[in-house]
């Protein structure tokens, strides 16, 4: 028997809210936004990241120290996501990729793996109750083929920062008129 439209919409809504939790976590880490980061977890959650296994507050302290001392910048990118709902509990697997520049901004490291999550809906809100961060691969890529001039132009598109001065916080988002029409051969830089 096919579920009702209402049941299907509820399932889609819950799955979207769960995916938003994972995105909120990544954005919180990348922007070094403590409140956003903590909003992805229930207060009694445990995160097993291999080299640190802790609740949200203790994990945040580690995350903040590690990313501010070991890297000049970093990104968490989420890709494939599967989610099995079981009432107010969800079992999720989300693929991630991670890229970071060392403190000197010279060496780029990349890696990929999966977040294995148990999410729980409490008080009508989905958050992480338990997480395992499982690495699958990692390494150091080769140098970019994009010219230095093109990289400099790319950097002009928006301010990047590990705080609220990052352009993702800009409201409303605007594009300066003088940037409209820019079209550069990224390999030649001209």
C-alpha atoms as a PDB file:
ATOM      1  CA  UNK A   1       0.000   0.000   0.000  1.00  0.00           C
ATOM      2  CA  UNK A   2       1.391   3.404  -1.014  1.00  0.00           C
ATOM      3  CA  UNK A   3       1.887   5.917   1.798  1.00  0.00           C
ATOM      4  CA  UNK A   4      -0.349   8.965   1.912  1.00  0.00           C
ATOM      5  CA  UNK A   5       0.800  12.221   0.360  1.00  0.00           C
ATOM      6  CA  UNK A   6       0.969  13.662   3.877  1.00  0.00           C
ATOM      7  CA  UNK A   7       3.288  10.844   5.006  1.00  0.00           C
ATOM      8  CA  UNK A   8       5.517  11.304   1.942  1.00  0.00           C
ATOM      9  CA  UNK A   9       5.755  15.064   2.510  1.00  0.00           C
ATOM     10  CA  UNK A  10       6.606  14.516   6.195  1.00  0.00           C
ATOM     11  CA  UNK A  11       9.360  12.077   5.222  1.00  0.00           C
ATOM     12  CA  UNK A  12      10.811  14.489   2.661  1.00  0.00           C
ATOM     13  CA  UNK A  13      10.623  17.354   5.157  1.00  0.00           C
ATOM     14  CA  UNK A  14      12.403  15.330   7.863  1.00  0.00           C
ATOM     15  CA  UNK A  15      15.112  14.203   5.437  1.00  0.00           C
ATOM     16  CA  UNK A  16      15.676  17.792   4.320  1.00  0.00           C
ATOM     17  CA  UNK A  17      15.951  18.982   7.924  1.00  0.00           C
ATOM     18  CA  UNK A  18      18.466  16.204   8.608  1.00  0.00           C
ATOM     19  CA  UNK A  19      20.588  17.177   5.587  1.00  0.00           C
ATOM     20  CA  UNK A  20      20.490  20.784   6.829  1.00  0.00           C
ATOM     21  CA  UNK A  21      21.984  19.598  10.140  1.00  0.00           C
ATOM     22  CA  UNK A  22      24.977  18.130   8.279  1.00  0.00           C
ATOM     23  CA  UNK A  23      25.397  21.318   6.220  1.00  0.00           C
ATOM     24  CA  UNK A  24      25.103  23.462   9.364  1.00  0.00           C
ATOM     25  CA  UNK A  25      27.876  21.439  11.006  1.00  0.00           C
ATOM     26  CA  UNK A  26      30.195  21.919   7.997  1.00  0.00           C
ATOM     27  CA  UNK A  27      29.476  25.627   7.729  1.00  0.00           C
ATOM     28  CA  UNK A  28      29.943  26.058  11.474  1.00  0.00           C
ATOM     29  CA  UNK A  29      33.396  24.445  11.301  1.00  0.00           C
ATOM     30  CA  UNK A  30      34.480  26.283   8.148  1.00  0.00           C
ATOM     31  CA  UNK A  31      33.328  29.693   9.367  1.00  0.00           C
ATOM     32  CA  UNK A  32      34.565  28.941  12.909  1.00  0.00           C
ATOM     33  CA  UNK A  33      31.054  29.804  14.096  1.00  0.00           C
ATOM     34  CA  UNK A  34      30.684  28.159  17.516  1.00  0.00           C
ATOM     35  CA  UNK A  35      26.929  28.706  17.844  1.00  0.00           C
ATOM     36  CA  UNK A  36      26.213  27.326  14.374  1.00  0.00           C
ATOM     37  CA  UNK A  37      28.475  24.331  15.038  1.00  0.00           C
ATOM     38  CA  UNK A  38      26.815  23.536  18.375  1.00  0.00           C
ATOM     39  CA  UNK A  39      23.341  23.866  16.835  1.00  0.00           C
ATOM     40  CA  UNK A  40      24.032  20.673  14.863  1.00  0.00           C
ATOM     41  CA  UNK A  41      24.313  18.572  18.047  1.00  0.00           C
ATOM     42  CA  UNK A  42      22.100  17.601  20.930  1.00  0.00           C
ATOM     43  CA  UNK A  43      23.926  18.673  24.129  1.00  0.00           C
ATOM     44  CA  UNK A  44      24.489  15.038  25.177  1.00  0.00           C
ATOM     45  CA  UNK A  45      25.756  13.912  21.752  1.00  0.00           C
ATOM     46  CA  UNK A  46      29.090  12.124  21.301  1.00  0.00           C
ATOM     47  CA  UNK A  47      31.270  12.651  18.221  1.00  0.00           C
ATOM     48  CA  UNK A  48      34.006  10.105  17.499  1.00  0.00           C
ATOM     49  CA  UNK A  49      36.430  11.831  15.132  1.00  0.00           C
ATOM     50  CA  UNK A  50      39.159   9.241  15.739  1.00  0.00           C
ATOM     51  CA  UNK A  51      41.679  11.509  17.444  1.00  0.00           C
ATOM     52  CA  UNK A  52      39.030  13.144  19.628  1.00  0.00           C
ATOM     53  CA  UNK A  53      35.919  11.520  21.060  1.00  0.00           C
ATOM     54  CA  UNK A  54      33.824  14.031  22.948  1.00  0.00           C
ATOM     55  CA  UNK A  55      30.592  15.886  23.488  1.00  0.00           C
ATOM     56  CA  UNK A  56      29.798  19.022  21.461  1.00  0.00           C
ATOM     57  CA  UNK A  57      31.411  21.633  23.749  1.00  0.00           C
ATOM     58  CA  UNK A  58      34.652  19.698  24.219  1.00  0.00           C
ATOM     59  CA  UNK A  59      34.719  18.779  20.533  1.00  0.00           C
ATOM     60  CA  UNK A  60      34.239  22.455  19.581  1.00  0.00           C
ATOM     61  CA  UNK A  61      37.239  23.422  21.742  1.00  0.00           C
ATOM     62  CA  UNK A  62      39.351  20.848  19.887  1.00  0.00           C
ATOM     63  CA  UNK A  63      38.000  21.863  16.447  1.00  0.00           C
ATOM     64  CA  UNK A  64      38.619  25.539  17.114  1.00  0.00           C
ATOM     65  CA  UNK A  65      42.181  24.960  18.349  1.00  0.00           C
ATOM     66  CA  UNK A  66      43.099  22.522  15.580  1.00  0.00           C
ATOM     67  CA  UNK A  67      41.742  24.468  12.625  1.00  0.00           C
ATOM     68  CA  UNK A  68      43.089  27.835  13.787  1.00  0.00           C
ATOM     69  CA  UNK A  69      46.596  26.530  14.499  1.00  0.00           C
ATOM     70  CA  UNK A  70      47.087  23.816  11.860  1.00  0.00           C
ATOM     71  CA  UNK A  71      45.520  25.527   8.840  1.00  0.00           C
ATOM     72  CA  UNK A  72      45.278  28.917   7.167  1.00  0.00           C
ATOM     73  CA  UNK A  73      41.920  27.906   5.680  1.00  0.00           C
ATOM     74  CA  UNK A  74      39.852  24.772   5.161  1.00  0.00           C
ATOM     75  CA  UNK A  75      36.596  23.452   3.673  1.00  0.00           C
ATOM     76  CA  UNK A  76      34.280  20.564   4.454  1.00  0.00           C
ATOM     77  CA  UNK A  77      32.319  19.517   1.362  1.00  0.00           C
ATOM     78  CA  UNK A  78      29.382  17.118   1.652  1.00  0.00           C
ATOM     79  CA  UNK A  79      28.230  14.991  -1.260  1.00  0.00           C
ATOM     80  CA  UNK A  80      26.269  11.699  -1.267  1.00  0.00           C
ATOM     81  CA  UNK A  81      23.770  11.415   1.557  1.00  0.00           C
ATOM     82  CA  UNK A  82      21.540   8.527   2.581  1.00  0.00           C
ATOM     83  CA  UNK A  83      19.042   8.605   5.404  1.00  0.00           C
ATOM     84  CA  UNK A  84      16.842   5.905   6.916  1.00  0.00           C
ATOM     85  CA  UNK A  85      14.052   7.231   9.096  1.00  0.00           C
ATOM     86  CA  UNK A  86      12.768   5.226  12.040  1.00  0.00           C
ATOM     87  CA  UNK A  87      10.268   7.439  13.833  1.00  0.00           C
ATOM     88  CA  UNK A  88      12.181  10.169  15.664  1.00  0.00           C
ATOM     89  CA  UNK A  89      15.523   8.467  14.951  1.00  0.00           C
ATOM     90  CA  UNK A  90      17.430   8.575  11.668  1.00  0.00           C
ATOM     91  CA  UNK A  91      20.475   6.610  10.534  1.00  0.00           C
ATOM     92  CA  UNK A  92      22.541   8.575   8.028  1.00  0.00           C
ATOM     93  CA  UNK A  93      25.665   8.278   5.947  1.00  0.00           C
ATOM     94  CA  UNK A  94      27.067  11.423   4.347  1.00  0.00           C
ATOM     95  CA  UNK A  95      30.167  11.453   2.170  1.00  0.00           C
ATOM     96  CA  UNK A  96      32.581  14.319   2.831  1.00  0.00           C
ATOM     97  CA  UNK A  97      35.643  15.789   1.241  1.00  0.00           C
ATOM     98  CA  UNK A  98      38.024  18.009   3.152  1.00  0.00           C
ATOM     99  CA  UNK A  99      40.642  20.412   1.850  1.00  0.00           C
ATOM    100  CA  UNK A 100      43.015  22.558   3.892  1.00  0.00           C
ATOM    101  CA  UNK A 101      45.987  24.846   3.438  1.00  0.00           C
ATOM    102  CA  UNK A 102      48.766  24.697   6.025  1.00  0.00           C
ATOM    103  CA  UNK A 103      49.354  27.771   8.241  1.00  0.00           C
ATOM    104  CA  UNK A 104      51.745  29.231   5.645  1.00  0.00           C
ATOM    105  CA  UNK A 105      49.121  28.860   2.903  1.00  0.00           C
ATOM    106  CA  UNK A 106      51.535  26.758   0.848  1.00  0.00           C
ATOM    107  CA  UNK A 107      50.598  23.082   1.091  1.00  0.00           C
ATOM    108  CA  UNK A 108      47.140  21.803   0.281  1.00  0.00           C
ATOM    109  CA  UNK A 109      45.957  18.561   1.838  1.00  0.00           C
ATOM    110  CA  UNK A 110      42.774  16.791   0.774  1.00  0.00           C
ATOM    111  CA  UNK A 111      40.839  13.834   2.069  1.00  0.00           C
ATOM    112  CA  UNK A 112      37.501  12.124   1.927  1.00  0.00           C
ATOM    113  CA  UNK A 113      35.355   9.916   4.056  1.00  0.00           C
ATOM    114  CA  UNK A 114      31.932   9.580   5.603  1.00  0.00           C
ATOM    115  CA  UNK A 115      29.948  10.850   8.556  1.00  0.00           C
ATOM    116  CA  UNK A 116      27.942   7.998  10.038  1.00  0.00           C
ATOM    117  CA  UNK A 117      25.246   9.650  12.126  1.00  0.00           C
ATOM    118  CA  UNK A 118      22.425   8.767  14.421  1.00  0.00           C
ATOM    119  CA  UNK A 119      20.138  11.754  14.363  1.00  0.00           C
ATOM    120  CA  UNK A 120      17.289  12.220  16.794  1.00  0.00           C
ATOM    121  CA  UNK A 121      14.311  14.525  16.649  1.00  0.00           C
ATOM    122  CA  UNK A 122      13.734  16.018  20.076  1.00  0.00           C
ATOM    123  CA  UNK A 123      11.261  18.801  20.715  1.00  0.00           C
ATOM    124  CA  UNK A 124      10.534  18.778  16.984  1.00  0.00           C
ATOM    125  CA  UNK A 125      14.188  19.441  16.023  1.00  0.00           C
ATOM    126  CA  UNK A 126      16.624  17.067  14.346  1.00  0.00           C
ATOM    127  CA  UNK A 127      20.220  17.078  15.598  1.00  0.00           C
ATOM    128  CA  UNK A 128      23.188  14.730  15.827  1.00  0.00           C
ATOM    129  CA  UNK A 129      22.999  12.309  18.779  1.00  0.00           C
ATOM    130  CA  UNK A 130      26.016  10.167  17.788  1.00  0.00           C
ATOM    131  CA  UNK A 131      28.572  10.505  15.012  1.00  0.00           C
ATOM    132  CA  UNK A 132      31.494   8.514  13.679  1.00  0.00           C
ATOM    133  CA  UNK A 133      33.803  10.311  11.256  1.00  0.00           C
ATOM    134  CA  UNK A 134      35.314   7.631   9.021  1.00  0.00           C
ATOM    135  CA  UNK A 135      38.200   8.570   6.677  1.00  0.00           C
ATOM    136  CA  UNK A 136      38.378   6.711   3.360  1.00  0.00           C
ATOM    137  CA  UNK A 137      41.258   8.436   1.541  1.00  0.00           C
ATOM    138  CA  UNK A 138      43.654  11.380   1.697  1.00  0.00           C
ATOM    139  CA  UNK A 139      46.675  12.974   0.091  1.00  0.00           C
ATOM    140  CA  UNK A 140      48.229  16.038  -1.415  1.00  0.00           C
ATOM    141  CA  UNK A 141      47.172  17.195  -4.893  1.00  0.00           C
ATOM    142  CA  UNK A 142      49.436  18.462  -7.632  1.00  0.00           C
ATOM    143  CA  UNK A 143      49.847  22.168  -8.314  1.00  0.00           C
ATOM    144  CA  UNK A 144      46.944  23.990  -9.936  1.00  0.00           C
ATOM    145  CA  UNK A 145      46.897  24.606 -13.667  1.00  0.00           C
ATOM    146  CA  UNK A 146      45.153  27.958 -13.138  1.00  0.00           C
ATOM    147  CA  UNK A 147      47.460  30.908 -13.735  1.00  0.00           C
ATOM    148  CA  UNK A 148      48.473  33.199 -10.848  1.00  0.00           C
ATOM    149  CA  UNK A 149      46.671  36.121 -12.529  1.00  0.00           C
ATOM    150  CA  UNK A 150      43.455  34.114 -12.822  1.00  0.00           C
ATOM    151  CA  UNK A 151      43.736  32.971  -9.183  1.00  0.00           C
ATOM    152  CA  UNK A 152      44.110  36.613  -8.119  1.00  0.00           C
ATOM    153  CA  UNK A 153      41.006  37.562 -10.113  1.00  0.00           C
ATOM    154  CA  UNK A 154      39.061  34.683  -8.580  1.00  0.00           C
ATOM    155  CA  UNK A 155      39.958  35.981  -5.124  1.00  0.00           C
ATOM    156  CA  UNK A 156      38.276  39.292  -6.016  1.00  0.00           C
ATOM    157  CA  UNK A 157      34.820  37.649  -6.184  1.00  0.00           C
ATOM    158  CA  UNK A 158      34.252  37.776  -2.433  1.00  0.00           C
ATOM    159  CA  UNK A 159      35.799  38.072   0.994  1.00  0.00           C
ATOM    160  CA  UNK A 160      36.665  34.759   2.616  1.00  0.00           C
ATOM    161  CA  UNK A 161      37.051  34.643   6.372  1.00  0.00           C
ATOM    162  CA  UNK A 162      36.624  32.307   9.285  1.00  0.00           C
ATOM    163  CA  UNK A 163      34.037  34.585  10.854  1.00  0.00           C
ATOM    164  CA  UNK A 164      30.980  36.710  10.037  1.00  0.00           C
ATOM    165  CA  UNK A 165      33.000  38.984   7.712  1.00  0.00           C
ATOM    166  CA  UNK A 166      32.880  36.128   5.145  1.00  0.00           C
ATOM    167  CA  UNK A 167      30.785  37.080   2.101  1.00  0.00           C
ATOM    168  CA  UNK A 168      28.317  34.244   2.836  1.00  0.00           C
ATOM    169  CA  UNK A 169      26.927  36.416   5.647  1.00  0.00           C
ATOM    170  CA  UNK A 170      26.323  39.390   3.298  1.00  0.00           C
ATOM    171  CA  UNK A 171      22.639  40.384   3.215  1.00  0.00           C
ATOM    172  CA  UNK A 172      21.517  41.102   0.623  1.00  0.00           C
ATOM    173  CA  UNK A 173      24.180  39.489  -1.534  1.00  0.00           C
ATOM    174  CA  UNK A 174      25.197  41.899  -4.305  1.00  0.00           C
ATOM    175  CA  UNK A 175      27.610  41.783  -7.238  1.00  0.00           C
ATOM    176  CA  UNK A 176      29.476  45.041  -7.907  1.00  0.00           C
ATOM    177  CA  UNK A 177      28.525  46.323 -11.381  1.00  0.00           C
ATOM    178  CA  UNK A 178      32.193  46.712 -12.354  1.00  0.00           C
ATOM    179  CA  UNK A 179      32.635  42.919 -12.047  1.00  0.00           C
ATOM    180  CA  UNK A 180      29.873  42.117 -14.557  1.00  0.00           C
ATOM    181  CA  UNK A 181      31.320  40.953 -17.867  1.00  0.00           C
ATOM    182  CA  UNK A 182      34.616  39.605 -16.530  1.00  0.00           C
ATOM    183  CA  UNK A 183      35.652  36.587 -18.603  1.00  0.00           C
ATOM    184  CA  UNK A 184      39.216  35.334 -18.237  1.00  0.00           C
ATOM    185  CA  UNK A 185      41.045  32.408 -19.788  1.00  0.00           C
ATOM    186  CA  UNK A 186      41.963  30.733 -16.494  1.00  0.00           C
ATOM    187  CA  UNK A 187      44.802  28.729 -17.996  1.00  0.00           C
ATOM    188  CA  UNK A 188      46.516  31.655 -19.738  1.00  0.00           C
ATOM    189  CA  UNK A 189      45.465  34.344 -17.260  1.00  0.00           C
ATOM    190  CA  UNK A 190      44.484  36.678 -20.108  1.00  0.00           C
END
